[in-house]
Each structure stands twice: as structure tokens, then as C-alpha cells.
Amino acid sequence: MSAEENKAAVRHFWEDHLNTGNATLCEKDFAPDAVNHDPNSPPIPPGPEGITQLITLYRTAFPDLTATVEDMIAEGDKVAYRLTFRGTHQGELMGTPATGKQVTYTGIGIDKVVNGTIMEMWLNFDALGLLQQVGAVPSPGAMAKKAAYYYKGKEVKGQK
């Protein structure tokens, strides 16, 4: 397949599966033994079943989640891309209850595509930024203020 056809296969996943929440079509788009190498994802089985689980996980937490493909480059059987994710935190996300907060975070991925089917996916997104936006992890500014407040027991002006 051409580089353009490989790019179309990857774009199809983000626009027609994640953005719509339609995970049922993954069987045609992912190899039965496709592997997701995302270090931020919980352990999932290989193939369409695992990808379906991921879509369900994120669409449950963010029912309006969308991924915008900002850039895409292909060479041979590899497609590299840059994404921006947007959504509203309306369901539990890995133990963090819904906050109603809107989030925006980015990611970069490289997929291996063979005959129009995704065989491997390496995705790394700003998980820390996402967790900070939903309040699961304090932001650096909040942590610095707290540290300054407690530094040697001295109160920082304007802090309690």
C-alpha cells in the first residue's frame, strides 16, 4: 500500500472510531494480534478487543472526546502523527471521579500499517497534563505554592 493509503487507515481510526465512539469496526482496521505500545494505557489484550477496551475506557470518561490529527507523515509501512485531544470529564477515569472539567492534551504516535490494517501502535500522550487538568495530580504551580507555604514552617504572604 502507498504512504497515502497508510495515512488514510490511521486517520480513519481516529476520526471514525475514537471520535464517534464506534469501536465495533476495529476488527476490520486492526490485526488480530495488533499490539498497543502506549505506556500510559492499562494492560489490554492484543488486537481489536484491546483497542475496543481503550476506546470504551476513554469514551466513558469523556463521552465527547475528539482527537484532531494535526500532522501526519508516512514512509514505508510507518505513519507518524501528532494529535490534540479534547473532551469533558463526565465519567470515572482510572479511579478519578467525573469533574465536569474540559480538557485539552496532546499526543504523538507511530503506527505500523500492513495492507490497510494497523499492526502496531506506539502512542504517547500527555498523561500528566490530563491528570492535572482533572485534578487527580496537582499542577506544578499548586505544588510550588504548597511547598513555599510549608518551607521551614514559614507562612508565605497571602497563603494559609
N, C-alpha and C. Protein backbone atom coordinates (compact mmCIF):
# COMPACT_ATOMS: atom_id res chain seq x y z
N MET A 1 0.84 -1.18 0.00
CA MET A 1 0.00 0.00 0.00
C MET A 1 0.89 1.24 0.00
N SER A 2 0.36 2.31 -0.51
CA SER A 2 1.11 3.55 -0.58
C SER A 2 1.12 4.25 0.77
N ALA A 3 2.02 5.21 0.90
CA ALA A 3 2.09 6.01 2.13
C ALA A 3 0.77 6.74 2.37
N GLU A 4 0.15 7.23 1.30
CA GLU A 4 -1.12 7.94 1.44
C GLU A 4 -2.23 7.00 1.92
N GLU A 5 -2.25 5.77 1.43
CA GLU A 5 -3.25 4.79 1.87
C GLU A 5 -3.03 4.42 3.34
N ASN A 6 -1.77 4.32 3.75
CA ASN A 6 -1.47 4.03 5.15
C ASN A 6 -1.92 5.18 6.05
N LYS A 7 -1.68 6.41 5.60
CA LYS A 7 -2.14 7.58 6.36
C LYS A 7 -3.66 7.56 6.48
N ALA A 8 -4.34 7.21 5.42
CA ALA A 8 -5.81 7.17 5.44
C ALA A 8 -6.31 6.13 6.44
N ALA A 9 -5.63 5.00 6.55
CA ALA A 9 -6.02 3.96 7.50
C ALA A 9 -5.90 4.46 8.94
N VAL A 10 -4.82 5.17 9.23
CA VAL A 10 -4.61 5.69 10.59
C VAL A 10 -5.62 6.81 10.88
N ARG A 11 -5.80 7.71 9.94
CA ARG A 11 -6.77 8.81 10.13
C ARG A 11 -8.17 8.23 10.35
N HIS A 12 -8.49 7.18 9.61
CA HIS A 12 -9.79 6.51 9.76
C HIS A 12 -10.00 6.05 11.20
N PHE A 13 -8.97 5.47 11.81
CA PHE A 13 -9.12 5.03 13.20
C PHE A 13 -9.51 6.20 14.10
N TRP A 14 -8.77 7.29 14.05
CA TRP A 14 -9.04 8.41 14.96
C TRP A 14 -10.37 9.08 14.66
N GLU A 15 -10.67 9.30 13.40
CA GLU A 15 -11.88 10.04 13.06
C GLU A 15 -13.14 9.19 13.09
N ASP A 16 -13.05 7.92 12.71
CA ASP A 16 -14.25 7.10 12.60
C ASP A 16 -14.45 6.13 13.77
N HIS A 17 -13.46 6.00 14.62
CA HIS A 17 -13.60 5.13 15.79
C HIS A 17 -13.58 5.94 17.08
N LEU A 18 -12.44 6.55 17.38
CA LEU A 18 -12.36 7.28 18.65
C LEU A 18 -13.34 8.45 18.68
N ASN A 19 -13.35 9.26 17.64
CA ASN A 19 -14.19 10.46 17.66
C ASN A 19 -15.69 10.15 17.70
N THR A 20 -16.09 9.01 17.19
CA THR A 20 -17.51 8.65 17.18
C THR A 20 -17.84 7.67 18.30
N GLY A 21 -16.81 7.06 18.87
CA GLY A 21 -17.03 6.02 19.88
C GLY A 21 -17.43 4.70 19.27
N ASN A 22 -17.33 4.58 17.95
CA ASN A 22 -17.72 3.37 17.24
C ASN A 22 -16.57 2.37 17.24
N ALA A 23 -16.49 1.59 18.29
CA ALA A 23 -15.39 0.63 18.43
C ALA A 23 -15.65 -0.66 17.68
N THR A 24 -16.87 -0.89 17.23
CA THR A 24 -17.21 -2.17 16.61
C THR A 24 -16.48 -2.42 15.30
N LEU A 25 -16.08 -1.37 14.62
CA LEU A 25 -15.39 -1.55 13.34
C LEU A 25 -13.91 -1.88 13.50
N CYS A 26 -13.40 -1.88 14.71
CA CYS A 26 -11.97 -2.11 14.92
C CYS A 26 -11.50 -3.45 14.36
N GLU A 27 -12.39 -4.43 14.29
CA GLU A 27 -12.00 -5.74 13.79
C GLU A 27 -11.49 -5.68 12.36
N LYS A 28 -11.99 -4.73 11.56
CA LYS A 28 -11.53 -4.60 10.18
C LYS A 28 -10.26 -3.77 10.08
N ASP A 29 -9.99 -2.95 11.09
CA ASP A 29 -8.90 -1.99 10.99
C ASP A 29 -7.64 -2.38 11.76
N PHE A 30 -7.77 -3.34 12.69
CA PHE A 30 -6.63 -3.79 13.48
C PHE A 30 -6.43 -5.28 13.28
N ALA A 31 -5.17 -5.67 13.16
CA ALA A 31 -4.84 -7.09 13.01
C ALA A 31 -5.26 -7.83 14.29
N PRO A 32 -5.59 -9.12 14.17
CA PRO A 32 -5.99 -9.89 15.36
C PRO A 32 -4.94 -9.88 16.46
N ASP A 33 -3.67 -9.74 16.08
CA ASP A 33 -2.59 -9.71 17.07
C ASP A 33 -1.94 -8.33 17.17
N ALA A 34 -2.66 -7.29 16.77
CA ALA A 34 -2.12 -5.92 16.83
C ALA A 34 -1.72 -5.59 18.27
N VAL A 35 -0.62 -4.86 18.40
CA VAL A 35 -0.08 -4.54 19.72
C VAL A 35 -0.11 -3.03 19.93
N ASN A 36 -0.57 -2.63 21.11
CA ASN A 36 -0.55 -1.23 21.52
C ASN A 36 0.62 -1.05 22.49
N HIS A 37 1.56 -0.18 22.14
CA HIS A 37 2.74 0.04 22.97
C HIS A 37 2.64 1.32 23.79
N ASP A 38 1.43 1.78 24.11
CA ASP A 38 1.23 3.03 24.85
C ASP A 38 1.55 2.81 26.32
N PRO A 39 2.61 3.46 26.85
CA PRO A 39 2.96 3.26 28.25
C PRO A 39 1.94 3.85 29.22
N ASN A 40 1.05 4.72 28.74
CA ASN A 40 0.04 5.33 29.60
C ASN A 40 -1.23 4.49 29.72
N SER A 41 -1.38 3.50 28.88
CA SER A 41 -2.61 2.70 28.86
C SER A 41 -2.53 1.56 29.86
N PRO A 42 -3.70 1.18 30.38
CA PRO A 42 -3.72 -0.02 31.22
C PRO A 42 -3.44 -1.23 30.34
N PRO A 43 -3.07 -2.35 30.94
CA PRO A 43 -2.82 -3.56 30.13
C PRO A 43 -4.10 -3.97 29.39
N ILE A 44 -3.95 -4.23 28.11
CA ILE A 44 -5.08 -4.65 27.29
C ILE A 44 -4.66 -5.85 26.45
N PRO A 45 -5.64 -6.66 26.04
CA PRO A 45 -5.30 -7.77 25.15
C PRO A 45 -4.92 -7.25 23.77
N PRO A 46 -4.21 -8.06 23.00
CA PRO A 46 -3.86 -7.64 21.64
C PRO A 46 -5.08 -7.58 20.74
N GLY A 47 -4.90 -6.92 19.62
CA GLY A 47 -5.92 -6.91 18.58
C GLY A 47 -7.09 -5.98 18.83
N PRO A 48 -8.13 -6.13 18.04
CA PRO A 48 -9.30 -5.26 18.13
C PRO A 48 -9.94 -5.23 19.51
N GLU A 49 -9.91 -6.36 20.23
CA GLU A 49 -10.52 -6.41 21.56
C GLU A 49 -9.88 -5.38 22.50
N GLY A 50 -8.55 -5.30 22.48
CA GLY A 50 -7.85 -4.34 23.34
C GLY A 50 -8.12 -2.90 22.93
N ILE A 51 -8.12 -2.63 21.62
CA ILE A 51 -8.39 -1.27 21.14
C ILE A 51 -9.82 -0.87 21.51
N THR A 52 -10.75 -1.81 21.39
CA THR A 52 -12.13 -1.54 21.78
C THR A 52 -12.21 -1.19 23.27
N GLN A 53 -11.46 -1.89 24.09
CA GLN A 53 -11.44 -1.60 25.53
C GLN A 53 -10.92 -0.18 25.79
N LEU A 54 -9.88 0.22 25.06
CA LEU A 54 -9.34 1.57 25.25
C LEU A 54 -10.34 2.64 24.83
N ILE A 55 -10.97 2.43 23.68
CA ILE A 55 -11.97 3.40 23.22
C ILE A 55 -13.08 3.51 24.27
N THR A 56 -13.53 2.38 24.77
CA THR A 56 -14.60 2.38 25.78
C THR A 56 -14.15 3.10 27.05
N LEU A 57 -12.93 2.84 27.50
CA LEU A 57 -12.40 3.48 28.70
C LEU A 57 -12.42 5.00 28.57
N TYR A 58 -11.86 5.51 27.48
CA TYR A 58 -11.75 6.96 27.32
C TYR A 58 -13.08 7.60 26.97
N ARG A 59 -13.93 6.91 26.18
CA ARG A 59 -15.23 7.50 25.84
C ARG A 59 -16.19 7.44 27.03
N THR A 60 -15.98 6.54 27.99
CA THR A 60 -16.78 6.54 29.22
C THR A 60 -16.40 7.73 30.08
N ALA A 61 -15.12 8.00 30.18
CA ALA A 61 -14.65 9.14 30.97
C ALA A 61 -14.93 10.47 30.28
N PHE A 62 -14.83 10.48 28.96
CA PHE A 62 -15.01 11.69 28.15
C PHE A 62 -15.96 11.36 26.99
N PRO A 63 -17.27 11.37 27.20
CA PRO A 63 -18.20 10.98 26.13
C PRO A 63 -18.10 11.83 24.87
N ASP A 64 -17.62 13.05 25.01
CA ASP A 64 -17.48 13.94 23.85
C ASP A 64 -16.04 14.02 23.35
N LEU A 65 -15.22 13.04 23.71
CA LEU A 65 -13.80 13.06 23.35
C LEU A 65 -13.60 13.08 21.84
N THR A 66 -12.73 13.97 21.39
CA THR A 66 -12.33 14.01 19.99
C THR A 66 -10.81 14.09 19.90
N ALA A 67 -10.29 13.52 18.86
CA ALA A 67 -8.87 13.63 18.55
C ALA A 67 -8.76 14.32 17.19
N THR A 68 -7.99 15.38 17.15
CA THR A 68 -7.75 16.09 15.90
C THR A 68 -6.35 15.74 15.43
N VAL A 69 -6.24 15.22 14.22
CA VAL A 69 -4.93 14.92 13.65
C VAL A 69 -4.35 16.23 13.16
N GLU A 70 -3.29 16.68 13.81
CA GLU A 70 -2.67 17.97 13.48
C GLU A 70 -1.63 17.83 12.36
N ASP A 71 -0.86 16.76 12.41
CA ASP A 71 0.19 16.49 11.41
C ASP A 71 0.25 15.00 11.17
N MET A 72 0.66 14.62 9.96
CA MET A 72 0.80 13.20 9.65
C MET A 72 1.86 13.05 8.57
N ILE A 73 2.78 12.13 8.81
CA ILE A 73 3.86 11.84 7.87
C ILE A 73 3.95 10.33 7.72
N ALA A 74 4.15 9.85 6.51
CA ALA A 74 4.25 8.40 6.29
C ALA A 74 5.46 8.08 5.44
N GLU A 75 6.06 6.95 5.78
CA GLU A 75 7.16 6.41 4.98
C GLU A 75 7.13 4.90 5.13
N GLY A 76 7.11 4.21 4.02
CA GLY A 76 7.03 2.75 4.07
C GLY A 76 5.75 2.32 4.79
N ASP A 77 5.90 1.42 5.76
CA ASP A 77 4.72 0.93 6.49
C ASP A 77 4.47 1.68 7.79
N LYS A 78 5.18 2.79 8.03
CA LYS A 78 5.04 3.56 9.27
C LYS A 78 4.34 4.89 9.00
N VAL A 79 3.44 5.25 9.91
CA VAL A 79 2.74 6.54 9.86
C VAL A 79 2.96 7.23 11.19
N ALA A 80 3.53 8.43 11.16
CA ALA A 80 3.75 9.23 12.36
C ALA A 80 2.73 10.36 12.36
N TYR A 81 2.22 10.68 13.54
CA TYR A 81 1.17 11.71 13.61
C TYR A 81 1.22 12.42 14.96
N ARG A 82 0.65 13.63 14.95
CA ARG A 82 0.53 14.45 16.15
C ARG A 82 -0.95 14.75 16.34
N LEU A 83 -1.44 14.55 17.57
CA LEU A 83 -2.86 14.69 17.87
C LEU A 83 -3.11 15.73 18.96
N THR A 84 -4.30 16.31 18.93
CA THR A 84 -4.81 17.10 20.04
C THR A 84 -6.13 16.48 20.44
N PHE A 85 -6.24 16.12 21.73
CA PHE A 85 -7.45 15.53 22.28
C PHE A 85 -8.22 16.61 23.04
N ARG A 86 -9.55 16.57 22.93
CA ARG A 86 -10.41 17.49 23.68
C ARG A 86 -11.62 16.73 24.17
N GLY A 87 -12.06 17.05 25.39
CA GLY A 87 -13.26 16.40 25.91
C GLY A 87 -13.63 16.96 27.26
N THR A 88 -14.77 16.51 27.77
CA THR A 88 -15.29 16.92 29.07
C THR A 88 -15.31 15.70 29.98
N HIS A 89 -14.69 15.83 31.14
CA HIS A 89 -14.55 14.72 32.08
C HIS A 89 -15.90 14.45 32.76
N GLN A 90 -16.67 13.49 32.20
CA GLN A 90 -18.02 13.22 32.68
C GLN A 90 -18.18 11.83 33.29
N GLY A 91 -17.11 11.06 33.33
CA GLY A 91 -17.16 9.71 33.91
C GLY A 91 -15.84 9.40 34.56
N GLU A 92 -15.80 8.31 35.31
CA GLU A 92 -14.58 7.93 36.02
C GLU A 92 -13.43 7.67 35.04
N LEU A 93 -12.26 8.15 35.41
CA LEU A 93 -11.05 7.91 34.63
C LEU A 93 -10.01 7.28 35.53
N MET A 94 -9.86 5.98 35.41
CA MET A 94 -8.87 5.23 36.18
C MET A 94 -8.88 5.63 37.66
N GLY A 95 -10.05 5.61 38.26
CA GLY A 95 -10.19 5.90 39.68
C GLY A 95 -10.50 7.35 40.03
N THR A 96 -10.42 8.24 39.07
CA THR A 96 -10.73 9.66 39.33
C THR A 96 -12.17 9.92 38.92
N PRO A 97 -13.02 10.31 39.90
CA PRO A 97 -14.43 10.55 39.57
C PRO A 97 -14.59 11.74 38.62
N ALA A 98 -15.72 11.78 37.94
CA ALA A 98 -16.02 12.85 36.99
C ALA A 98 -15.94 14.21 37.68
N THR A 99 -15.38 15.18 36.95
CA THR A 99 -15.25 16.55 37.48
C THR A 99 -16.03 17.56 36.67
N GLY A 100 -16.43 17.20 35.45
CA GLY A 100 -17.10 18.14 34.57
C GLY A 100 -16.13 19.11 33.90
N LYS A 101 -14.84 18.94 34.16
CA LYS A 101 -13.83 19.84 33.58
C LYS A 101 -13.57 19.49 32.12
N GLN A 102 -13.37 20.56 31.32
CA GLN A 102 -12.96 20.35 29.94
C GLN A 102 -11.44 20.22 29.91
N VAL A 103 -10.96 19.29 29.09
CA VAL A 103 -9.53 19.04 28.99
C VAL A 103 -9.08 19.15 27.55
N THR A 104 -7.81 19.51 27.41
CA THR A 104 -7.13 19.51 26.12
C THR A 104 -5.72 18.99 26.39
N TYR A 105 -5.33 17.95 25.66
CA TYR A 105 -3.98 17.41 25.81
C TYR A 105 -3.51 16.89 24.46
N THR A 106 -2.23 16.66 24.33
CA THR A 106 -1.65 16.28 23.05
C THR A 106 -1.01 14.90 23.11
N GLY A 107 -0.75 14.35 21.93
CA GLY A 107 -0.09 13.06 21.83
C GLY A 107 0.63 12.93 20.51
N ILE A 108 1.56 12.01 20.49
CA ILE A 108 2.31 11.70 19.27
C ILE A 108 2.32 10.18 19.12
N GLY A 109 2.08 9.72 17.90
CA GLY A 109 2.04 8.29 17.67
C GLY A 109 2.75 7.88 16.39
N ILE A 110 3.10 6.62 16.36
CA ILE A 110 3.64 5.98 15.16
C ILE A 110 2.95 4.64 15.03
N ASP A 111 2.33 4.40 13.91
CA ASP A 111 1.64 3.14 13.68
C ASP A 111 2.31 2.39 12.53
N LYS A 112 2.34 1.06 12.64
CA LYS A 112 2.78 0.21 11.55
C LYS A 112 1.52 -0.31 10.86
N VAL A 113 1.41 -0.04 9.55
CA VAL A 113 0.23 -0.40 8.78
C VAL A 113 0.65 -1.36 7.66
N VAL A 114 -0.02 -2.51 7.60
CA VAL A 114 0.26 -3.50 6.56
C VAL A 114 -1.06 -3.84 5.86
N ASN A 115 -1.11 -3.62 4.55
CA ASN A 115 -2.31 -3.90 3.76
C ASN A 115 -3.55 -3.22 4.34
N GLY A 116 -3.40 -2.00 4.80
CA GLY A 116 -4.53 -1.23 5.31
C GLY A 116 -4.94 -1.56 6.73
N THR A 117 -4.19 -2.44 7.39
CA THR A 117 -4.51 -2.88 8.75
C THR A 117 -3.41 -2.43 9.70
N ILE A 118 -3.82 -1.86 10.83
CA ILE A 118 -2.85 -1.43 11.84
C ILE A 118 -2.35 -2.65 12.59
N MET A 119 -1.02 -2.83 12.57
CA MET A 119 -0.38 -3.99 13.21
C MET A 119 0.19 -3.62 14.58
N GLU A 120 0.74 -2.40 14.66
CA GLU A 120 1.33 -1.93 15.92
C GLU A 120 1.05 -0.45 16.06
N MET A 121 0.89 -0.04 17.31
CA MET A 121 0.61 1.37 17.62
C MET A 121 1.49 1.79 18.79
N TRP A 122 2.32 2.80 18.54
CA TRP A 122 3.11 3.41 19.59
C TRP A 122 2.51 4.80 19.80
N LEU A 123 1.87 5.02 20.92
CA LEU A 123 1.26 6.31 21.20
C LEU A 123 1.75 6.78 22.55
N ASN A 124 2.11 8.04 22.62
CA ASN A 124 2.48 8.63 23.90
C ASN A 124 1.77 9.97 23.99
N PHE A 125 0.90 10.10 24.98
CA PHE A 125 0.17 11.35 25.16
C PHE A 125 0.52 11.96 26.51
N ASP A 126 0.17 13.20 26.69
CA ASP A 126 0.49 13.94 27.91
C ASP A 126 -0.43 13.50 29.04
N ALA A 127 -0.17 12.32 29.59
CA ALA A 127 -0.99 11.77 30.66
C ALA A 127 -0.91 12.64 31.91
N LEU A 128 0.27 13.15 32.23
CA LEU A 128 0.40 14.01 33.41
C LEU A 128 -0.45 15.26 33.25
N GLY A 129 -0.39 15.89 32.08
CA GLY A 129 -1.21 17.08 31.84
C GLY A 129 -2.69 16.77 31.94
N LEU A 130 -3.11 15.61 31.43
CA LEU A 130 -4.51 15.20 31.52
C LEU A 130 -4.91 15.04 32.98
N LEU A 131 -4.10 14.32 33.75
CA LEU A 131 -4.41 14.10 35.16
C LEU A 131 -4.42 15.40 35.97
N GLN A 132 -3.55 16.33 35.62
CA GLN A 132 -3.56 17.64 36.28
C GLN A 132 -4.84 18.40 35.96
N GLN A 133 -5.30 18.32 34.73
CA GLN A 133 -6.50 19.05 34.33
C GLN A 133 -7.76 18.52 35.01
N VAL A 134 -7.81 17.22 35.32
CA VAL A 134 -8.98 16.68 36.02
C VAL A 134 -8.80 16.70 37.53
N GLY A 135 -7.66 17.21 38.00
CA GLY A 135 -7.44 17.37 39.43
C GLY A 135 -6.93 16.13 40.14
N ALA A 136 -6.54 15.09 39.39
CA ALA A 136 -6.02 13.87 40.01
C ALA A 136 -4.59 14.06 40.50
N VAL A 137 -3.87 14.99 39.91
CA VAL A 137 -2.48 15.30 40.26
C VAL A 137 -2.36 16.82 40.33
N PRO A 138 -1.73 17.35 41.39
CA PRO A 138 -1.60 18.81 41.46
C PRO A 138 -0.70 19.35 40.36
N SER A 139 -1.01 20.55 39.91
CA SER A 139 -0.18 21.20 38.90
C SER A 139 1.12 21.68 39.54
N PRO A 140 2.17 21.90 38.74
CA PRO A 140 3.44 22.37 39.31
C PRO A 140 3.27 23.68 40.10
N GLY A 141 2.44 24.59 39.61
CA GLY A 141 2.23 25.86 40.31
C GLY A 141 1.62 25.65 41.68
N ALA A 142 0.63 24.76 41.77
CA ALA A 142 -0.01 24.48 43.06
C ALA A 142 0.96 23.79 44.00
N MET A 143 1.78 22.90 43.46
CA MET A 143 2.76 22.21 44.30
C MET A 143 3.80 23.19 44.82
N ALA A 144 4.24 24.13 43.97
CA ALA A 144 5.24 25.11 44.39
C ALA A 144 4.68 26.01 45.49
N LYS A 145 3.42 26.43 45.36
CA LYS A 145 2.81 27.27 46.39
C LYS A 145 2.72 26.53 47.71
N LYS A 146 2.33 25.28 47.64
CA LYS A 146 2.21 24.48 48.85
C LYS A 146 3.57 24.27 49.49
N ALA A 147 4.58 24.00 48.67
CA ALA A 147 5.93 23.81 49.20
C ALA A 147 6.44 25.09 49.83
N ALA A 148 6.19 26.22 49.19
CA ALA A 148 6.63 27.50 49.74
C ALA A 148 5.93 27.79 51.06
N TYR A 149 4.67 27.42 51.15
CA TYR A 149 3.91 27.65 52.38
C TYR A 149 4.49 26.87 53.54
N TYR A 150 4.88 25.64 53.28
CA TYR A 150 5.38 24.78 54.35
C TYR A 150 6.89 24.86 54.54
N TYR A 151 7.56 25.57 53.69
CA TYR A 151 9.01 25.65 53.77
C TYR A 151 9.44 26.18 55.13
N LYS A 152 10.09 25.36 55.90
CA LYS A 152 10.60 25.70 57.23
C LYS A 152 9.53 26.32 58.12
N GLY A 153 8.28 25.93 57.90
CA GLY A 153 7.21 26.39 58.79
C GLY A 153 6.88 27.86 58.66
N LYS A 154 7.40 28.52 57.65
CA LYS A 154 7.15 29.95 57.48
C LYS A 154 5.95 30.15 56.58
N GLU A 155 5.10 31.06 56.95
CA GLU A 155 3.95 31.36 56.14
C GLU A 155 4.37 32.27 54.98
N VAL A 156 3.87 31.96 53.81
CA VAL A 156 4.13 32.78 52.63
C VAL A 156 3.02 33.82 52.55
N LYS A 157 3.41 35.05 52.23
CA LYS A 157 2.43 36.14 52.18
C LYS A 157 1.23 35.76 51.32
N GLY A 158 0.05 35.91 51.90
CA GLY A 158 -1.19 35.62 51.19
C GLY A 158 -1.59 34.14 51.22
N GLN A 159 -0.81 33.30 51.83
CA GLN A 159 -1.10 31.86 51.90
C GLN A 159 -1.48 31.48 53.32
N LYS A 160 -2.33 30.53 53.45
CA LYS A 160 -2.69 30.00 54.77
C LYS A 160 -2.41 28.52 54.79
